[in-house]
N, C-alpha and C. Protein backbone atom coordinates (compact mmCIF):
# COMPACT_ATOMS: atom_id res chain seq x y z
N MET A 1 59.97 17.24 -1.12
CA MET A 1 59.79 18.37 -2.03
C MET A 1 58.49 19.12 -1.73
N ALA A 2 57.41 18.38 -1.52
CA ALA A 2 56.11 18.99 -1.21
C ALA A 2 56.18 19.76 0.09
N ALA A 3 56.89 19.17 1.05
CA ALA A 3 57.02 19.85 2.35
C ALA A 3 57.77 21.15 2.18
N PHE A 4 58.80 21.15 1.33
CA PHE A 4 59.58 22.36 1.08
C PHE A 4 58.72 23.45 0.45
N VAL A 5 57.89 23.03 -0.52
CA VAL A 5 57.00 23.99 -1.18
C VAL A 5 56.02 24.61 -0.20
N ARG A 6 55.45 23.74 0.68
CA ARG A 6 54.49 24.25 1.68
C ARG A 6 55.17 25.23 2.63
N ALA A 7 56.38 24.89 3.06
CA ALA A 7 57.11 25.77 3.97
C ALA A 7 57.44 27.09 3.30
N SER A 8 57.86 27.01 2.03
CA SER A 8 58.16 28.24 1.29
C SER A 8 56.92 29.10 1.14
N GLY A 9 55.78 28.41 0.87
CA GLY A 9 54.52 29.14 0.73
C GLY A 9 54.13 29.88 1.99
N ARG A 10 54.29 29.16 3.11
CA ARG A 10 53.95 29.80 4.39
C ARG A 10 54.86 31.00 4.65
N SER A 11 56.14 30.87 4.31
CA SER A 11 57.09 31.97 4.52
C SER A 11 56.71 33.18 3.68
N LEU A 12 56.33 32.94 2.43
CA LEU A 12 55.93 34.05 1.57
C LEU A 12 54.67 34.75 2.08
N VAL A 13 53.69 33.93 2.53
CA VAL A 13 52.46 34.50 3.07
C VAL A 13 52.76 35.34 4.31
N SER A 14 53.65 34.80 5.18
CA SER A 14 54.00 35.53 6.40
C SER A 14 54.66 36.86 6.07
N GLN A 15 55.59 36.85 5.10
CA GLN A 15 56.23 38.09 4.70
C GLN A 15 55.24 39.09 4.12
N PHE A 16 54.27 38.55 3.33
CA PHE A 16 53.25 39.41 2.72
C PHE A 16 52.43 40.14 3.79
N TRP A 17 51.98 39.40 4.81
CA TRP A 17 51.15 40.01 5.86
C TRP A 17 51.95 40.99 6.71
N ARG A 18 53.23 40.66 6.97
CA ARG A 18 54.05 41.58 7.75
C ARG A 18 54.27 42.89 7.00
N ARG A 19 54.52 42.77 5.69
CA ARG A 19 54.74 43.96 4.87
C ARG A 19 53.50 44.83 4.81
N ASN A 20 52.33 44.18 4.62
CA ASN A 20 51.08 44.94 4.53
C ASN A 20 50.66 45.52 5.87
N ALA A 21 50.93 44.79 6.97
CA ALA A 21 50.62 45.32 8.29
C ALA A 21 51.45 46.56 8.57
N SER A 22 52.73 46.49 8.15
CA SER A 22 53.61 47.65 8.34
C SER A 22 53.10 48.84 7.55
N GLN A 23 52.63 48.57 6.32
CA GLN A 23 52.10 49.66 5.50
C GLN A 23 50.81 50.22 6.08
N ALA A 24 50.00 49.33 6.73
CA ALA A 24 48.70 49.76 7.26
C ALA A 24 48.86 50.74 8.40
N ILE A 25 49.94 50.57 9.22
CA ILE A 25 50.10 51.44 10.38
C ILE A 25 50.97 52.66 10.07
N GLU A 26 51.52 52.69 8.85
CA GLU A 26 52.35 53.82 8.47
C GLU A 26 51.48 55.07 8.34
N LYS A 27 51.92 56.17 8.92
CA LYS A 27 51.14 57.40 8.94
C LYS A 27 51.62 58.35 7.85
N SER A 28 50.68 59.16 7.40
CA SER A 28 51.03 60.20 6.45
C SER A 28 51.86 61.26 7.17
N PRO A 29 52.61 62.08 6.42
CA PRO A 29 53.38 63.16 7.06
C PRO A 29 52.50 64.07 7.91
N PHE A 30 51.29 64.34 7.44
CA PHE A 30 50.38 65.21 8.21
C PHE A 30 50.01 64.56 9.54
N GLU A 31 49.61 63.27 9.51
CA GLU A 31 49.23 62.56 10.73
C GLU A 31 50.42 62.44 11.68
N SER A 32 51.59 62.18 11.13
CA SER A 32 52.79 62.07 11.96
C SER A 32 53.09 63.38 12.66
N ASN A 33 52.87 64.47 11.95
CA ASN A 33 53.11 65.79 12.55
C ASN A 33 52.10 66.08 13.65
N ILE A 34 50.82 65.72 13.41
CA ILE A 34 49.80 65.91 14.45
C ILE A 34 50.13 65.09 15.69
N LEU A 35 50.55 63.83 15.46
CA LEU A 35 50.91 62.97 16.59
C LEU A 35 52.06 63.57 17.38
N ARG A 36 53.05 64.09 16.68
CA ARG A 36 54.19 64.71 17.36
C ARG A 36 53.73 65.89 18.21
N ILE A 37 52.85 66.71 17.65
CA ILE A 37 52.35 67.88 18.39
C ILE A 37 51.57 67.44 19.63
N VAL A 38 50.70 66.44 19.47
CA VAL A 38 49.90 65.96 20.60
C VAL A 38 50.79 65.38 21.68
N ARG A 39 51.76 64.55 21.29
CA ARG A 39 52.67 63.96 22.27
C ARG A 39 53.47 65.02 23.01
N ASN A 40 53.93 66.03 22.27
CA ASN A 40 54.69 67.12 22.90
C ASN A 40 53.82 67.89 23.89
N GLU A 41 52.54 68.10 23.52
CA GLU A 41 51.64 68.83 24.40
C GLU A 41 51.37 68.03 25.68
N ILE A 42 51.17 66.71 25.53
CA ILE A 42 50.97 65.86 26.71
C ILE A 42 52.17 65.93 27.63
N GLN A 43 53.36 65.83 27.04
CA GLN A 43 54.57 65.87 27.86
C GLN A 43 54.75 67.22 28.53
N TYR A 44 54.41 68.29 27.78
CA TYR A 44 54.50 69.64 28.37
C TYR A 44 53.58 69.77 29.57
N GLN A 45 52.33 69.30 29.43
CA GLN A 45 51.38 69.37 30.53
C GLN A 45 51.87 68.58 31.74
N LEU A 46 52.44 67.40 31.48
CA LEU A 46 52.94 66.56 32.57
C LEU A 46 54.14 67.19 33.26
N ASP A 47 54.98 67.87 32.49
CA ASP A 47 56.18 68.50 33.07
C ASP A 47 55.86 69.81 33.76
N TYR A 48 54.98 70.63 33.13
CA TYR A 48 54.71 71.98 33.63
C TYR A 48 53.85 71.97 34.89
N ALA A 49 52.75 71.23 34.88
CA ALA A 49 51.84 71.19 36.02
C ALA A 49 51.23 69.81 36.12
N PRO A 50 52.02 68.82 36.54
CA PRO A 50 51.49 67.45 36.59
C PRO A 50 50.33 67.33 37.57
N PRO A 51 49.20 66.76 37.15
CA PRO A 51 48.07 66.59 38.07
C PRO A 51 48.39 65.54 39.13
N HIS A 52 47.78 65.68 40.27
CA HIS A 52 47.97 64.70 41.35
C HIS A 52 46.66 63.95 41.56
N PRO A 53 46.71 62.80 42.22
CA PRO A 53 45.47 62.04 42.46
C PRO A 53 44.45 62.91 43.17
N PRO A 54 43.19 62.93 42.70
CA PRO A 54 42.18 63.80 43.31
C PRO A 54 41.85 63.39 44.73
N ALA A 55 41.54 64.39 45.54
CA ALA A 55 41.14 64.11 46.92
C ALA A 55 39.80 63.39 46.94
N THR A 56 39.64 62.46 47.85
CA THR A 56 38.38 61.74 48.00
C THR A 56 37.61 62.20 49.25
N LYS A 57 38.22 63.13 49.99
CA LYS A 57 37.58 63.61 51.22
C LYS A 57 38.04 65.03 51.49
N PHE A 58 37.12 65.84 51.99
CA PHE A 58 37.46 67.18 52.47
C PHE A 58 36.76 67.39 53.80
N ASN A 59 37.54 67.51 54.87
CA ASN A 59 36.98 67.60 56.21
C ASN A 59 35.96 66.46 56.42
N THR A 60 34.70 66.78 56.65
CA THR A 60 33.70 65.73 56.88
C THR A 60 32.94 65.35 55.61
N PHE A 61 33.31 65.92 54.48
CA PHE A 61 32.64 65.63 53.21
C PHE A 61 33.37 64.51 52.46
N MET A 62 32.59 63.61 51.89
CA MET A 62 33.13 62.63 50.94
C MET A 62 33.01 63.23 49.54
N VAL A 63 34.07 63.10 48.76
CA VAL A 63 34.12 63.72 47.43
C VAL A 63 33.96 62.64 46.36
N GLU A 64 33.00 62.85 45.45
CA GLU A 64 32.76 61.93 44.35
C GLU A 64 33.13 62.62 43.03
N ASP A 65 34.12 62.06 42.36
CA ASP A 65 34.57 62.63 41.08
C ASP A 65 34.60 61.51 40.05
N ARG A 66 33.92 61.73 38.94
CA ARG A 66 33.90 60.75 37.85
C ARG A 66 34.59 61.35 36.63
N PRO A 67 35.65 60.66 36.14
CA PRO A 67 36.39 61.19 34.99
C PRO A 67 35.47 61.50 33.81
N GLY A 68 35.71 62.63 33.19
CA GLY A 68 34.94 63.03 32.02
C GLY A 68 33.76 63.92 32.34
N GLU A 69 33.30 63.94 33.59
CA GLU A 69 32.18 64.80 33.96
C GLU A 69 32.68 66.19 34.31
N GLN A 70 31.80 67.17 34.15
CA GLN A 70 32.17 68.57 34.36
C GLN A 70 31.80 69.08 35.75
N TRP A 71 31.56 68.18 36.68
CA TRP A 71 31.23 68.59 38.03
C TRP A 71 31.65 67.49 39.00
N ILE A 72 31.62 67.82 40.30
CA ILE A 72 31.87 66.84 41.35
C ILE A 72 30.74 66.93 42.38
N THR A 73 30.62 65.91 43.20
CA THR A 73 29.59 65.88 44.24
C THR A 73 30.26 65.64 45.59
N LEU A 74 29.83 66.39 46.60
CA LEU A 74 30.29 66.19 47.97
C LEU A 74 29.08 65.85 48.83
N ARG A 75 29.25 64.92 49.76
CA ARG A 75 28.15 64.50 50.64
C ARG A 75 28.64 64.38 52.08
N ARG A 76 27.69 64.64 52.99
CA ARG A 76 27.94 64.39 54.41
C ARG A 76 26.61 64.38 55.14
N LYS A 77 26.65 63.84 56.37
CA LYS A 77 25.50 63.95 57.27
C LYS A 77 25.82 64.96 58.34
N PHE A 78 24.78 65.64 58.81
CA PHE A 78 24.95 66.64 59.87
C PHE A 78 23.91 66.37 60.94
N GLY A 79 24.37 66.20 62.15
CA GLY A 79 23.44 65.87 63.24
C GLY A 79 22.89 64.47 63.06
N LYS A 80 21.68 64.26 63.56
CA LYS A 80 21.08 62.92 63.54
C LYS A 80 20.46 62.55 62.20
N ASP A 81 19.79 63.49 61.57
CA ASP A 81 19.02 63.11 60.38
C ASP A 81 19.14 64.07 59.21
N GLU A 82 20.12 64.96 59.26
CA GLU A 82 20.24 65.94 58.19
C GLU A 82 21.26 65.48 57.15
N HIS A 83 20.88 65.59 55.89
CA HIS A 83 21.74 65.18 54.78
C HIS A 83 22.12 66.40 53.96
N ILE A 84 23.36 66.42 53.51
CA ILE A 84 23.86 67.54 52.72
C ILE A 84 24.51 67.00 51.45
N LYS A 85 24.12 67.56 50.33
CA LYS A 85 24.74 67.23 49.04
C LYS A 85 25.15 68.52 48.35
N ILE A 86 26.39 68.56 47.90
CA ILE A 86 26.91 69.72 47.18
C ILE A 86 27.34 69.29 45.79
N GLU A 87 26.90 70.02 44.79
CA GLU A 87 27.36 69.79 43.43
C GLU A 87 28.07 71.05 42.95
N ALA A 88 29.29 70.87 42.47
CA ALA A 88 30.09 72.00 42.02
C ALA A 88 30.58 71.77 40.60
N THR A 89 30.44 72.79 39.76
CA THR A 89 30.92 72.69 38.39
C THR A 89 32.43 72.89 38.35
N MET A 90 33.00 72.59 37.18
CA MET A 90 34.36 73.03 36.94
C MET A 90 34.32 74.55 36.76
N ILE A 91 35.47 75.18 36.66
CA ILE A 91 35.51 76.63 36.53
C ILE A 91 34.70 77.06 35.32
N ASP A 92 33.70 77.93 35.56
CA ASP A 92 32.76 78.29 34.49
C ASP A 92 32.68 79.78 34.21
N GLY A 93 33.63 80.55 34.74
CA GLY A 93 33.61 81.98 34.48
C GLY A 93 34.74 82.69 35.21
N ALA A 94 34.84 83.99 34.98
CA ALA A 94 35.88 84.77 35.64
C ALA A 94 35.51 86.25 35.56
N ILE A 95 36.01 87.00 36.52
CA ILE A 95 35.85 88.46 36.50
C ILE A 95 37.22 89.09 36.76
N THR A 96 37.37 90.33 36.34
CA THR A 96 38.60 91.06 36.63
C THR A 96 38.34 92.01 37.79
N VAL A 97 39.31 92.12 38.67
CA VAL A 97 39.20 93.00 39.84
C VAL A 97 40.48 93.81 39.95
N PRO A 98 40.42 94.98 40.57
CA PRO A 98 41.63 95.79 40.74
C PRO A 98 42.68 95.04 41.55
N LYS A 99 43.93 95.23 41.16
CA LYS A 99 45.03 94.61 41.88
C LYS A 99 45.79 95.70 42.61
N ALA A 100 45.74 95.66 43.93
CA ALA A 100 46.26 96.77 44.72
C ALA A 100 47.77 96.75 44.86
N SER A 101 48.40 95.59 44.82
CA SER A 101 49.80 95.49 45.19
C SER A 101 50.77 95.94 44.11
N ASP A 102 50.46 95.69 42.85
CA ASP A 102 51.39 95.95 41.76
C ASP A 102 50.79 96.99 40.81
N GLU A 103 51.46 98.13 40.69
CA GLU A 103 50.93 99.20 39.84
C GLU A 103 50.99 98.84 38.36
N ASN A 104 51.95 97.97 37.99
CA ASN A 104 52.08 97.58 36.58
C ASN A 104 50.98 96.62 36.14
N LEU A 105 50.45 95.87 37.10
CA LEU A 105 49.36 94.95 36.80
C LEU A 105 48.13 95.45 37.54
N ARG A 106 47.31 96.20 36.88
CA ARG A 106 46.21 96.88 37.55
C ARG A 106 44.98 96.01 37.74
N GLU A 107 44.94 94.87 37.07
CA GLU A 107 43.78 94.00 37.20
C GLU A 107 44.20 92.57 37.50
N ASP A 108 43.41 91.90 38.27
CA ASP A 108 43.62 90.49 38.58
C ASP A 108 42.38 89.73 38.14
N VAL A 109 42.50 88.42 37.96
CA VAL A 109 41.39 87.59 37.50
C VAL A 109 40.92 86.70 38.65
N ARG A 110 39.61 86.72 38.91
CA ARG A 110 39.02 85.83 39.91
C ARG A 110 38.17 84.80 39.17
N LEU A 111 38.52 83.54 39.37
CA LEU A 111 37.81 82.44 38.71
C LEU A 111 36.54 82.10 39.49
N HIS A 112 35.53 81.63 38.77
CA HIS A 112 34.22 81.37 39.36
C HIS A 112 33.81 79.92 39.18
N ILE A 113 33.20 79.36 40.23
CA ILE A 113 32.63 78.01 40.20
C ILE A 113 31.19 78.10 40.70
N SER A 114 30.26 77.48 39.98
CA SER A 114 28.87 77.45 40.42
C SER A 114 28.66 76.27 41.38
N VAL A 115 27.97 76.54 42.46
CA VAL A 115 27.78 75.53 43.51
C VAL A 115 26.30 75.43 43.87
N LEU A 116 25.81 74.20 43.97
CA LEU A 116 24.43 73.94 44.36
C LEU A 116 24.46 73.13 45.66
N VAL A 117 23.81 73.64 46.70
CA VAL A 117 23.79 72.97 48.00
C VAL A 117 22.37 72.53 48.33
N ASP A 118 22.17 71.23 48.56
CA ASP A 118 20.87 70.69 48.96
C ASP A 118 20.97 70.16 50.39
N ILE A 119 20.00 70.56 51.23
CA ILE A 119 19.97 70.13 52.63
C ILE A 119 18.56 69.63 52.94
N TRP A 120 18.46 68.40 53.46
CA TRP A 120 17.14 67.85 53.79
C TRP A 120 17.22 66.95 55.01
N LYS A 121 16.03 66.68 55.58
CA LYS A 121 15.93 65.83 56.77
C LYS A 121 14.98 64.69 56.47
N GLY A 122 15.51 63.48 56.42
CA GLY A 122 14.67 62.31 56.20
C GLY A 122 14.24 62.17 54.76
N GLU A 123 13.80 60.97 54.40
CA GLU A 123 13.36 60.69 53.04
C GLU A 123 12.00 61.32 52.76
N GLY A 124 11.85 61.88 51.57
CA GLY A 124 10.57 62.42 51.15
C GLY A 124 10.23 63.78 51.71
N SER A 125 11.14 64.39 52.47
CA SER A 125 10.85 65.69 53.07
C SER A 125 11.19 66.81 52.10
N GLU A 126 10.68 67.99 52.35
CA GLU A 126 11.09 69.16 51.59
C GLU A 126 12.55 69.46 51.90
N PHE A 127 13.21 70.17 50.98
CA PHE A 127 14.61 70.49 51.25
C PHE A 127 14.93 71.91 50.83
N LEU A 128 15.98 72.42 51.45
CA LEU A 128 16.50 73.74 51.10
C LEU A 128 17.55 73.58 50.02
N GLU A 129 17.49 74.47 49.04
CA GLU A 129 18.51 74.47 48.00
C GLU A 129 19.11 75.86 47.89
N PHE A 130 20.42 75.93 47.98
CA PHE A 130 21.14 77.20 47.89
C PHE A 130 21.95 77.22 46.59
N VAL A 131 21.77 78.27 45.82
CA VAL A 131 22.60 78.50 44.63
C VAL A 131 23.70 79.47 45.04
N CYS A 132 24.95 79.03 44.89
CA CYS A 132 26.07 79.83 45.40
C CYS A 132 27.11 80.08 44.32
N SER A 133 27.88 81.14 44.54
CA SER A 133 29.05 81.43 43.72
C SER A 133 30.29 81.17 44.57
N SER A 134 31.18 80.35 44.01
CA SER A 134 32.43 80.04 44.71
C SER A 134 33.57 80.81 44.04
N TRP A 135 34.24 81.64 44.84
CA TRP A 135 35.43 82.36 44.40
C TRP A 135 36.64 81.75 45.11
N PRO A 136 37.85 82.04 44.68
CA PRO A 136 39.01 81.38 45.28
C PRO A 136 39.12 81.54 46.80
N ASN A 137 38.57 82.62 47.34
CA ASN A 137 38.69 82.81 48.79
C ASN A 137 37.37 83.14 49.48
N SER A 138 36.24 82.89 48.80
CA SER A 138 34.96 83.20 49.43
C SER A 138 33.83 82.43 48.76
N LEU A 139 32.75 82.24 49.53
CA LEU A 139 31.53 81.59 49.02
C LEU A 139 30.37 82.54 49.23
N GLU A 140 29.60 82.81 48.17
CA GLU A 140 28.50 83.76 48.25
C GLU A 140 27.18 83.08 47.89
N ILE A 141 26.16 83.28 48.71
CA ILE A 141 24.82 82.75 48.41
C ILE A 141 24.12 83.70 47.45
N GLN A 142 23.60 83.15 46.36
CA GLN A 142 22.88 83.95 45.38
C GLN A 142 21.37 83.78 45.50
N LYS A 143 20.92 82.53 45.71
CA LYS A 143 19.50 82.22 45.79
C LYS A 143 19.27 81.13 46.83
N ALA A 144 18.07 81.10 47.40
CA ALA A 144 17.67 80.03 48.32
C ALA A 144 16.25 79.62 47.98
N TYR A 145 16.03 78.30 47.82
CA TYR A 145 14.72 77.78 47.43
C TYR A 145 14.25 76.74 48.45
N VAL A 146 12.93 76.59 48.54
CA VAL A 146 12.33 75.47 49.27
C VAL A 146 11.69 74.57 48.22
N LEU A 147 12.17 73.32 48.12
CA LEU A 147 11.71 72.40 47.09
C LEU A 147 11.15 71.12 47.68
N ARG A 148 10.30 70.45 46.93
CA ARG A 148 9.80 69.14 47.34
C ARG A 148 10.84 68.08 47.04
N SER A 149 10.60 66.89 47.57
CA SER A 149 11.57 65.80 47.40
C SER A 149 11.77 65.41 45.94
N ASP A 150 10.76 65.68 45.09
CA ASP A 150 10.91 65.36 43.67
C ASP A 150 11.57 66.49 42.88
N GLY A 151 11.99 67.54 43.58
CA GLY A 151 12.67 68.65 42.93
C GLY A 151 11.76 69.76 42.46
N SER A 152 10.45 69.59 42.59
CA SER A 152 9.51 70.62 42.17
C SER A 152 9.40 71.70 43.24
N GLN A 153 8.84 72.83 42.85
CA GLN A 153 8.71 73.95 43.79
C GLN A 153 7.70 73.61 44.88
N ALA A 154 8.06 73.93 46.13
CA ALA A 154 7.13 73.72 47.23
C ALA A 154 6.04 74.78 47.21
N GLN A 155 6.31 75.89 46.55
CA GLN A 155 5.32 76.95 46.40
C GLN A 155 5.65 77.75 45.15
N THR A 156 4.68 78.49 44.65
CA THR A 156 4.88 79.23 43.41
C THR A 156 5.93 80.32 43.59
N TYR A 157 5.88 81.02 44.71
CA TYR A 157 6.85 82.08 44.97
C TYR A 157 8.20 81.46 45.30
N MET A 158 9.22 81.81 44.54
CA MET A 158 10.54 81.18 44.68
C MET A 158 11.47 81.91 45.62
N GLY A 159 11.03 83.02 46.17
CA GLY A 159 11.89 83.73 47.11
C GLY A 159 12.64 84.88 46.47
N PRO A 160 13.08 85.83 47.27
CA PRO A 160 13.77 87.01 46.74
C PRO A 160 15.24 86.72 46.43
N ASN A 161 15.86 87.67 45.74
CA ASN A 161 17.30 87.62 45.56
C ASN A 161 17.95 87.88 46.91
N ILE A 162 18.87 87.01 47.30
CA ILE A 162 19.48 87.12 48.63
C ILE A 162 20.16 88.48 48.82
N LYS A 163 20.74 89.00 47.75
CA LYS A 163 21.44 90.28 47.87
C LYS A 163 20.50 91.43 48.16
N ASP A 164 19.20 91.23 47.90
CA ASP A 164 18.22 92.29 48.15
C ASP A 164 17.75 92.31 49.60
N LEU A 165 18.08 91.29 50.38
CA LEU A 165 17.65 91.20 51.77
C LEU A 165 18.62 91.94 52.68
N ASN A 166 18.17 92.23 53.90
CA ASN A 166 19.04 92.97 54.82
C ASN A 166 20.23 92.13 55.25
N SER A 167 21.29 92.81 55.65
CA SER A 167 22.55 92.14 55.95
C SER A 167 22.41 91.14 57.11
N GLY A 168 21.51 91.41 58.04
CA GLY A 168 21.33 90.51 59.17
C GLY A 168 20.81 89.14 58.71
N PHE A 169 19.85 89.16 57.78
CA PHE A 169 19.32 87.89 57.28
C PHE A 169 20.37 87.15 56.46
N ARG A 170 21.12 87.88 55.63
CA ARG A 170 22.18 87.26 54.83
C ARG A 170 23.23 86.63 55.74
N ASP A 171 23.58 87.35 56.79
CA ASP A 171 24.57 86.81 57.74
C ASP A 171 24.05 85.54 58.40
N GLY A 172 22.73 85.52 58.69
CA GLY A 172 22.13 84.33 59.31
C GLY A 172 22.21 83.12 58.40
N LEU A 173 21.92 83.31 57.11
CA LEU A 173 22.02 82.20 56.15
C LEU A 173 23.47 81.73 56.02
N ASN A 174 24.40 82.68 56.00
CA ASN A 174 25.81 82.31 55.91
C ASN A 174 26.24 81.49 57.12
N GLU A 175 25.79 81.89 58.30
CA GLU A 175 26.14 81.15 59.52
C GLU A 175 25.51 79.76 59.51
N PHE A 176 24.31 79.65 58.95
CA PHE A 176 23.63 78.36 58.82
C PHE A 176 24.48 77.40 57.98
N LEU A 177 25.01 77.89 56.86
CA LEU A 177 25.85 77.06 56.01
C LEU A 177 27.22 76.80 56.65
N LYS A 178 27.78 77.81 57.28
CA LYS A 178 29.10 77.64 57.90
C LYS A 178 29.08 76.57 58.98
N ALA A 179 27.99 76.51 59.72
CA ALA A 179 27.87 75.48 60.76
C ALA A 179 27.92 74.08 60.17
N ARG A 180 27.63 73.96 58.90
CA ARG A 180 27.61 72.67 58.21
C ARG A 180 28.85 72.46 57.34
N GLY A 181 29.86 73.31 57.53
CA GLY A 181 31.11 73.16 56.80
C GLY A 181 31.11 73.73 55.40
N ILE A 182 30.10 74.53 55.09
CA ILE A 182 29.99 75.14 53.75
C ILE A 182 30.44 76.59 53.89
N ASN A 183 31.72 76.83 53.63
CA ASN A 183 32.32 78.12 53.99
C ASN A 183 33.44 78.48 53.01
N ASP A 184 34.19 79.51 53.37
CA ASP A 184 35.27 79.98 52.49
C ASP A 184 36.37 78.92 52.32
N GLU A 185 36.62 78.14 53.36
CA GLU A 185 37.62 77.08 53.26
C GLU A 185 37.21 76.04 52.22
N LEU A 186 35.92 75.70 52.20
CA LEU A 186 35.41 74.78 51.19
C LEU A 186 35.57 75.37 49.80
N SER A 187 35.32 76.66 49.68
CA SER A 187 35.45 77.33 48.39
C SER A 187 36.88 77.24 47.87
N ALA A 188 37.85 77.48 48.76
CA ALA A 188 39.25 77.38 48.36
C ALA A 188 39.59 75.96 47.93
N PHE A 189 39.05 74.97 48.64
CA PHE A 189 39.27 73.57 48.27
C PHE A 189 38.72 73.28 46.88
N LEU A 190 37.51 73.77 46.60
CA LEU A 190 36.89 73.52 45.29
C LEU A 190 37.75 74.07 44.16
N HIS A 191 38.31 75.25 44.35
CA HIS A 191 39.14 75.84 43.29
C HIS A 191 40.42 75.05 43.09
N GLU A 192 41.04 74.62 44.17
CA GLU A 192 42.24 73.80 44.04
C GLU A 192 41.91 72.47 43.36
N PHE A 193 40.80 71.86 43.77
CA PHE A 193 40.39 70.58 43.19
C PHE A 193 40.11 70.73 41.70
N MET A 194 39.38 71.78 41.33
CA MET A 194 38.98 71.95 39.93
C MET A 194 40.15 72.33 39.03
N MET A 195 41.13 73.05 39.55
CA MET A 195 42.32 73.33 38.75
C MET A 195 43.04 72.03 38.43
N ASN A 196 43.13 71.15 39.42
CA ASN A 196 43.76 69.85 39.20
C ASN A 196 42.93 68.99 38.25
N LYS A 197 41.60 69.01 38.44
CA LYS A 197 40.71 68.24 37.57
C LYS A 197 40.80 68.73 36.13
N ASP A 198 40.91 70.03 35.95
CA ASP A 198 41.01 70.59 34.60
C ASP A 198 42.25 70.05 33.89
N ARG A 199 43.38 69.99 34.61
CA ARG A 199 44.61 69.45 34.02
C ARG A 199 44.45 67.97 33.70
N THR A 200 43.84 67.22 34.64
CA THR A 200 43.64 65.78 34.43
C THR A 200 42.75 65.53 33.22
N GLU A 201 41.64 66.26 33.12
CA GLU A 201 40.71 66.07 32.00
C GLU A 201 41.37 66.46 30.68
N ALA A 202 42.17 67.52 30.68
CA ALA A 202 42.84 67.97 29.45
C ALA A 202 43.82 66.90 28.95
N ILE A 203 44.59 66.33 29.86
CA ILE A 203 45.55 65.29 29.47
C ILE A 203 44.81 64.05 28.98
N GLY A 204 43.72 63.68 29.64
CA GLY A 204 42.92 62.55 29.20
C GLY A 204 42.36 62.77 27.81
N TRP A 205 41.90 63.99 27.54
CA TRP A 205 41.37 64.34 26.22
C TRP A 205 42.45 64.24 25.15
N LEU A 206 43.64 64.74 25.46
CA LEU A 206 44.75 64.67 24.50
C LEU A 206 45.14 63.22 24.22
N ARG A 207 45.11 62.39 25.25
CA ARG A 207 45.48 60.99 25.06
C ARG A 207 44.45 60.25 24.20
N LYS A 208 43.19 60.63 24.30
CA LYS A 208 42.17 60.02 23.45
C LYS A 208 42.40 60.40 21.99
N ILE A 209 42.77 61.66 21.74
CA ILE A 209 43.08 62.09 20.38
C ILE A 209 44.30 61.33 19.86
N GLN A 210 45.32 61.20 20.71
CA GLN A 210 46.52 60.46 20.33
C GLN A 210 46.19 59.01 19.97
N SER A 211 45.38 58.37 20.81
CA SER A 211 45.02 56.98 20.58
C SER A 211 44.23 56.82 19.27
N PHE A 212 43.33 57.77 19.00
CA PHE A 212 42.52 57.70 17.78
C PHE A 212 43.40 57.79 16.54
N ILE A 213 44.34 58.74 16.55
CA ILE A 213 45.21 58.93 15.37
C ILE A 213 46.15 57.73 15.21
N GLU A 214 46.66 57.22 16.31
CA GLU A 214 47.59 56.09 16.26
C GLU A 214 46.93 54.83 15.70
N ASN A 215 45.65 54.64 16.03
CA ASN A 215 44.96 53.44 15.60
C ASN A 215 44.27 53.61 14.25
């Protein structure tokens, strides 16, 4: 008889916890609706433009991408002792430009990525830093600095605006970067990479919201 009572007690306790656990995870109509919207959006993103695994290499550059960060880093060596590091943001702007082919659509949108290029030789040496604008089919140098190894200015004068210099000097700087693989092809790669990264980050963000509401 005592054993029966204990068994019955355990059964009642088990039913009580199962019932309360079920009630604990039950969502309000509002939360259920939000979850449905989030799940539908995730599925839409996966169906419409599914992201692919990010590239880990571009030509001679190794690509470093960390989920959740708003930029990527590319590295390579050039020659015997020259080091190159590129940091590129996700898409951070856009401009409208005339569209020549279609009269009904008179403007097109060009997306912009900010790019920072550091080039140095050996540890502790001064380095060149180029501030660039990356467009879908071109890379433009905006500024060039000479900095110390700790990132401080090597001199008070920071240099002129590159666009204010003569075309011969600008062409020389462009050729200097092109010889190191920093060119229009790299710019196109960055835009393709960042479009994919944007989709990946958006889906990850939606899944975090979904997980928070579900739990």
